[in-house]
Structure formats: structure tokens, C-alpha cells
């Protein structure tokens, strides 16, 4: 089992690491679920650029100096759920997915969102591993679906976590 640290993203090295995890995780997870041309355009450079653009409210998991996962969190993105927090993204490199890294990242993000009784997350339909992870954590489908364009139309499903 690896020894990893969960912390807020701070340095350029960590931001670049987030970009790598974004890139690698997408290719590990979404190949076959997302349009091939879209995946080919999702380069390491593009993901690193995105990481530098979106720096706020990011927690990283590190094994030594290597970023192995991250979670992004905040207030729900639109006014349809005004009293909800949101997990915008959570990704862990495949080789660390059985090490409880995702669980610890989610725990840290939910602590940051402690002012919210309900937290939303959107998950790509067909991403059964992620759906299973969210269900284990206590998220439940609320029936909301959205179509997003990832080269071709894809469906996202919304799940809600409610604090007891």
C-alpha cells in the first residue's frame, strides 16, 4: 500500500501533476465511452493548460512528489440547486484506485463543503466504476440527466449526497 498525502494544491509542480492525472485518468477511464476523436484531442498539454486555468478549490493526493489524484469542489454551478455544494471532478490514477485514495479525496472535499447539507456530482452514463464508488460513499441518483458534447452527444447523470 502506498503512503500518500492529501493536501490543497499549491505549487506549479502540483498543478502540472493535476494536469497529468486529468489526462491519464480520462484516457484510462473514458476510452470506449467517449468519442475517439474527442479523446485524441485531449492531450497532456491541453489538460495541463486546463489545470493552470482552474486552480481554486482543488485538493491533490500525492505519493512522494507525484500527484496521483485530485478532487475539485465548490458551490453548485448553476441556480437549479442553490443550497448544494458540488464535486466537479475526482480522478485517481488507475494503479492507485484500490488504495482508498478516492475515498480520502472525497472525504477531504466533503469537509471543505461542510456548510452544505447536500452535495451533487455528475457522472458519465456507463462509467460503472465511478457510479459504484459514489454509491458506496452515499450518493444516490436524483433522476436528472444532461446531454453533453464530447465529440458526440453523451449523457451525464446527477447523483446527490445528503448528510445525515
C-alpha atoms as a PDB file:
ATOM      1  CA  UNK A   1       0.000   0.000   0.000  1.00  0.00           C
ATOM      2  CA  UNK A   2       1.360   3.436  -0.882  1.00  0.00           C
ATOM      3  CA  UNK A   3       1.830   6.214   1.628  1.00  0.00           C
ATOM      4  CA  UNK A   4       0.061   9.242   0.232  1.00  0.00           C
ATOM      5  CA  UNK A   5      -0.659  12.760   1.436  1.00  0.00           C
ATOM      6  CA  UNK A   6      -3.920  14.652   0.882  1.00  0.00           C
ATOM      7  CA  UNK A   7      -3.426  18.428   0.644  1.00  0.00           C
ATOM      8  CA  UNK A   8      -4.608  21.580  -1.051  1.00  0.00           C
ATOM      9  CA  UNK A   9      -2.997  22.142  -4.442  1.00  0.00           C
ATOM     10  CA  UNK A  10      -0.438  24.931  -4.187  1.00  0.00           C
ATOM     11  CA  UNK A  11       2.673  24.687  -6.357  1.00  0.00           C
ATOM     12  CA  UNK A  12       3.175  24.759 -10.119  1.00  0.00           C
ATOM     13  CA  UNK A  13       4.523  21.209  -9.798  1.00  0.00           C
ATOM     14  CA  UNK A  14       1.217  20.132  -8.228  1.00  0.00           C
ATOM     15  CA  UNK A  15      -0.795  21.983 -10.877  1.00  0.00           C
ATOM     16  CA  UNK A  16       1.182  20.195 -13.609  1.00  0.00           C
ATOM     17  CA  UNK A  17       0.613  16.926 -11.734  1.00  0.00           C
ATOM     18  CA  UNK A  18      -3.132  17.614 -11.709  1.00  0.00           C
ATOM     19  CA  UNK A  19      -2.946  18.107 -15.485  1.00  0.00           C
ATOM     20  CA  UNK A  20      -1.204  14.746 -15.882  1.00  0.00           C
ATOM     21  CA  UNK A  21      -3.758  12.937 -13.672  1.00  0.00           C
ATOM     22  CA  UNK A  22      -6.605  14.560 -15.650  1.00  0.00           C
ATOM     23  CA  UNK A  23      -5.060  13.428 -18.941  1.00  0.00           C
ATOM     24  CA  UNK A  24      -4.087   9.914 -17.840  1.00  0.00           C
ATOM     25  CA  UNK A  25      -7.339   9.239 -15.965  1.00  0.00           C
ATOM     26  CA  UNK A  26      -9.513  10.325 -18.864  1.00  0.00           C
ATOM     27  CA  UNK A  27      -7.642   8.005 -21.214  1.00  0.00           C
ATOM     28  CA  UNK A  28      -7.785   5.132 -18.689  1.00  0.00           C
ATOM     29  CA  UNK A  29     -11.464   5.647 -17.911  1.00  0.00           C
ATOM     30  CA  UNK A  30     -13.246   7.038 -20.941  1.00  0.00           C
ATOM     31  CA  UNK A  31     -11.664   5.228 -23.895  1.00  0.00           C
ATOM     32  CA  UNK A  32     -14.607   3.388 -25.418  1.00  0.00           C
ATOM     33  CA  UNK A  33     -17.164   5.564 -23.588  1.00  0.00           C
ATOM     34  CA  UNK A  34     -16.273   8.855 -25.255  1.00  0.00           C
ATOM     35  CA  UNK A  35     -15.833   9.683 -28.948  1.00  0.00           C
ATOM     36  CA  UNK A  36     -12.354   8.651 -30.195  1.00  0.00           C
ATOM     37  CA  UNK A  37     -11.665  11.970 -31.954  1.00  0.00           C
ATOM     38  CA  UNK A  38     -12.502  13.879 -28.768  1.00  0.00           C
ATOM     39  CA  UNK A  39     -10.143  11.659 -26.779  1.00  0.00           C
ATOM     40  CA  UNK A  40      -7.342  12.189 -29.316  1.00  0.00           C
ATOM     41  CA  UNK A  41      -7.707  15.965 -28.880  1.00  0.00           C
ATOM     42  CA  UNK A  42      -7.489  15.663 -25.094  1.00  0.00           C
ATOM     43  CA  UNK A  43      -3.708  15.908 -24.920  1.00  0.00           C
ATOM     44  CA  UNK A  44      -1.455  16.239 -21.903  1.00  0.00           C
ATOM     45  CA  UNK A  45      -0.752  19.834 -22.962  1.00  0.00           C
ATOM     46  CA  UNK A  46      -4.467  20.663 -23.059  1.00  0.00           C
ATOM     47  CA  UNK A  47      -5.083  19.088 -19.642  1.00  0.00           C
ATOM     48  CA  UNK A  48      -2.109  20.957 -18.153  1.00  0.00           C
ATOM     49  CA  UNK A  49      -3.465  24.212 -19.608  1.00  0.00           C
ATOM     50  CA  UNK A  50      -6.862  23.460 -18.016  1.00  0.00           C
ATOM     51  CA  UNK A  51      -5.148  22.699 -14.692  1.00  0.00           C
ATOM     52  CA  UNK A  52      -3.449  26.110 -14.717  1.00  0.00           C
ATOM     53  CA  UNK A  53      -6.747  27.816 -15.572  1.00  0.00           C
ATOM     54  CA  UNK A  54      -8.735  26.108 -12.785  1.00  0.00           C
ATOM     55  CA  UNK A  55      -6.592  26.288  -9.637  1.00  0.00           C
ATOM     56  CA  UNK A  56      -9.126  27.075  -6.920  1.00  0.00           C
ATOM     57  CA  UNK A  57     -10.763  24.525  -4.640  1.00  0.00           C
ATOM     58  CA  UNK A  58      -8.519  21.638  -5.678  1.00  0.00           C
ATOM     59  CA  UNK A  59      -7.195  19.014  -3.293  1.00  0.00           C
ATOM     60  CA  UNK A  60      -4.469  16.671  -4.504  1.00  0.00           C
ATOM     61  CA  UNK A  61      -3.267  13.270  -3.373  1.00  0.00           C
ATOM     62  CA  UNK A  62       0.494  12.814  -3.589  1.00  0.00           C
ATOM     63  CA  UNK A  63       2.726   9.784  -3.327  1.00  0.00           C
ATOM     64  CA  UNK A  64       6.072  11.414  -2.606  1.00  0.00           C
ATOM     65  CA  UNK A  65       6.366  14.202  -5.169  1.00  0.00           C
ATOM     66  CA  UNK A  66       3.938  12.598  -7.639  1.00  0.00           C
ATOM     67  CA  UNK A  67       0.333  13.774  -7.836  1.00  0.00           C
ATOM     68  CA  UNK A  68      -1.743  10.583  -8.041  1.00  0.00           C
ATOM     69  CA  UNK A  69      -5.241  12.046  -7.771  1.00  0.00           C
ATOM     70  CA  UNK A  70      -7.280  15.205  -7.277  1.00  0.00           C
ATOM     71  CA  UNK A  71     -10.737  16.448  -6.444  1.00  0.00           C
ATOM     72  CA  UNK A  72     -12.361  19.772  -7.359  1.00  0.00           C
ATOM     73  CA  UNK A  73     -15.236  21.108  -5.278  1.00  0.00           C
ATOM     74  CA  UNK A  74     -17.339  24.220  -4.671  1.00  0.00           C
ATOM     75  CA  UNK A  75     -20.799  25.731  -4.770  1.00  0.00           C
ATOM     76  CA  UNK A  76     -23.176  24.078  -7.262  1.00  0.00           C
ATOM     77  CA  UNK A  77     -22.521  25.632 -10.690  1.00  0.00           C
ATOM     78  CA  UNK A  78     -25.987  26.957 -11.510  1.00  0.00           C
ATOM     79  CA  UNK A  79     -29.068  28.194  -9.698  1.00  0.00           C
ATOM     80  CA  UNK A  80     -31.100  24.969 -10.043  1.00  0.00           C
ATOM     81  CA  UNK A  81     -29.729  23.691  -6.717  1.00  0.00           C
ATOM     82  CA  UNK A  82     -28.926  26.885  -4.805  1.00  0.00           C
ATOM     83  CA  UNK A  83     -28.322  25.176  -1.470  1.00  0.00           C
ATOM     84  CA  UNK A  84     -25.994  22.436  -2.783  1.00  0.00           C
ATOM     85  CA  UNK A  85     -22.257  22.003  -2.973  1.00  0.00           C
ATOM     86  CA  UNK A  86     -20.719  20.119  -5.886  1.00  0.00           C
ATOM     87  CA  UNK A  87     -17.879  17.756  -6.607  1.00  0.00           C
ATOM     88  CA  UNK A  88     -16.762  18.994 -10.036  1.00  0.00           C
ATOM     89  CA  UNK A  89     -14.164  16.304 -10.695  1.00  0.00           C
ATOM     90  CA  UNK A  90     -12.436  13.478  -8.887  1.00  0.00           C
ATOM     91  CA  UNK A  91      -9.749  11.442 -10.610  1.00  0.00           C
ATOM     92  CA  UNK A  92      -7.202   8.929  -9.354  1.00  0.00           C
ATOM     93  CA  UNK A  93      -4.553   7.179 -11.442  1.00  0.00           C
ATOM     94  CA  UNK A  94      -5.638   3.618 -12.148  1.00  0.00           C
ATOM     95  CA  UNK A  95      -2.783   1.980 -10.243  1.00  0.00           C
ATOM     96  CA  UNK A  96      -3.868   3.779  -7.046  1.00  0.00           C
ATOM     97  CA  UNK A  97      -7.623   3.180  -7.308  1.00  0.00           C
ATOM     98  CA  UNK A  98      -7.582   0.279  -4.851  1.00  0.00           C
ATOM     99  CA  UNK A  99      -5.595   2.267  -2.252  1.00  0.00           C
ATOM    100  CA  UNK A 100      -8.536   4.326  -0.824  1.00  0.00           C
ATOM    101  CA  UNK A 101      -7.123   7.493  -2.437  1.00  0.00           C
ATOM    102  CA  UNK A 102     -10.510   8.422  -3.949  1.00  0.00           C
ATOM    103  CA  UNK A 103     -12.195   7.870  -0.593  1.00  0.00           C
ATOM    104  CA  UNK A 104      -9.726  10.182   1.170  1.00  0.00           C
ATOM    105  CA  UNK A 105     -10.039  12.839  -1.542  1.00  0.00           C
ATOM    106  CA  UNK A 106     -13.841  12.716  -1.304  1.00  0.00           C
ATOM    107  CA  UNK A 107     -13.678  12.916   2.495  1.00  0.00           C
ATOM    108  CA  UNK A 108     -11.436  15.998   2.288  1.00  0.00           C
ATOM    109  CA  UNK A 109     -13.716  17.695  -0.269  1.00  0.00           C
ATOM    110  CA  UNK A 110     -16.847  16.983   1.784  1.00  0.00           C
ATOM    111  CA  UNK A 111     -15.111  18.507   4.810  1.00  0.00           C
ATOM    112  CA  UNK A 112     -14.471  21.651   2.742  1.00  0.00           C
ATOM    113  CA  UNK A 113     -18.169  21.612   1.764  1.00  0.00           C
ATOM    114  CA  UNK A 114     -19.336  21.197   5.374  1.00  0.00           C
ATOM    115  CA  UNK A 115     -21.675  24.214   5.083  1.00  0.00           C
ATOM    116  CA  UNK A 116     -23.818  22.263   2.599  1.00  0.00           C
ATOM    117  CA  UNK A 117     -26.300  19.592   3.644  1.00  0.00           C
ATOM    118  CA  UNK A 118     -26.447  18.247   0.073  1.00  0.00           C
ATOM    119  CA  UNK A 119     -23.653  17.715  -2.443  1.00  0.00           C
ATOM    120  CA  UNK A 120     -24.127  16.952  -6.150  1.00  0.00           C
ATOM    121  CA  UNK A 121     -21.867  15.148  -8.596  1.00  0.00           C
ATOM    122  CA  UNK A 122     -22.357  14.445 -12.299  1.00  0.00           C
ATOM    123  CA  UNK A 123     -21.172  11.103 -13.670  1.00  0.00           C
ATOM    124  CA  UNK A 124     -20.929   9.885 -17.243  1.00  0.00           C
ATOM    125  CA  UNK A 125     -23.518   7.218 -18.035  1.00  0.00           C
ATOM    126  CA  UNK A 126     -21.699   3.915 -18.449  1.00  0.00           C
ATOM    127  CA  UNK A 127     -18.888   4.831 -16.033  1.00  0.00           C
ATOM    128  CA  UNK A 128     -19.866   1.959 -13.768  1.00  0.00           C
ATOM    129  CA  UNK A 129     -16.727   2.075 -11.607  1.00  0.00           C
ATOM    130  CA  UNK A 130     -17.346   5.737 -10.703  1.00  0.00           C
ATOM    131  CA  UNK A 131     -21.064   5.114 -10.148  1.00  0.00           C
ATOM    132  CA  UNK A 132     -20.193   2.271  -7.776  1.00  0.00           C
ATOM    133  CA  UNK A 133     -17.707   4.499  -5.927  1.00  0.00           C
ATOM    134  CA  UNK A 134     -20.278   7.273  -5.479  1.00  0.00           C
ATOM    135  CA  UNK A 135     -22.947   4.823  -4.332  1.00  0.00           C
ATOM    136  CA  UNK A 136     -20.572   3.354  -1.719  1.00  0.00           C
ATOM    137  CA  UNK A 137     -19.952   6.872  -0.482  1.00  0.00           C
ATOM    138  CA  UNK A 138     -23.691   7.507  -0.138  1.00  0.00           C
ATOM    139  CA  UNK A 139     -24.557   9.374  -3.347  1.00  0.00           C
ATOM    140  CA  UNK A 140     -27.901   8.486  -4.953  1.00  0.00           C
ATOM    141  CA  UNK A 141     -29.331   9.246  -8.398  1.00  0.00           C
ATOM    142  CA  UNK A 142     -31.913  12.027  -8.331  1.00  0.00           C
ATOM    143  CA  UNK A 143     -33.295  11.334 -11.827  1.00  0.00           C
ATOM    144  CA  UNK A 144     -31.654  14.343 -13.520  1.00  0.00           C
ATOM    145  CA  UNK A 145     -29.829  13.717 -16.790  1.00  0.00           C
ATOM    146  CA  UNK A 146     -27.966  16.111 -19.079  1.00  0.00           C
ATOM    147  CA  UNK A 147     -26.610  15.743 -22.577  1.00  0.00           C
ATOM    148  CA  UNK A 148     -23.056  16.982 -23.057  1.00  0.00           C
ATOM    149  CA  UNK A 149     -20.958  17.097 -26.195  1.00  0.00           C
ATOM    150  CA  UNK A 150     -17.761  15.068 -26.031  1.00  0.00           C
ATOM    151  CA  UNK A 151     -17.270  14.921 -29.791  1.00  0.00           C
ATOM    152  CA  UNK A 152     -20.680  13.250 -29.964  1.00  0.00           C
ATOM    153  CA  UNK A 153     -23.578  13.507 -27.504  1.00  0.00           C
ATOM    154  CA  UNK A 154     -23.002  11.779 -24.169  1.00  0.00           C
ATOM    155  CA  UNK A 155     -25.268  11.560 -21.138  1.00  0.00           C
ATOM    156  CA  UNK A 156     -24.362  12.611 -17.631  1.00  0.00           C
ATOM    157  CA  UNK A 157     -26.372  11.516 -14.596  1.00  0.00           C
ATOM    158  CA  UNK A 158     -26.653  13.552 -11.433  1.00  0.00           C
ATOM    159  CA  UNK A 159     -26.170  11.987  -8.015  1.00  0.00           C
ATOM    160  CA  UNK A 160     -26.787  13.640  -4.648  1.00  0.00           C
ATOM    161  CA  UNK A 161     -25.159  13.035  -1.268  1.00  0.00           C
ATOM    162  CA  UNK A 162     -27.211  14.102   1.744  1.00  0.00           C
ATOM    163  CA  UNK A 163     -25.631  14.489   5.149  1.00  0.00           C
ATOM    164  CA  UNK A 164     -27.438  12.755   7.983  1.00  0.00           C
END
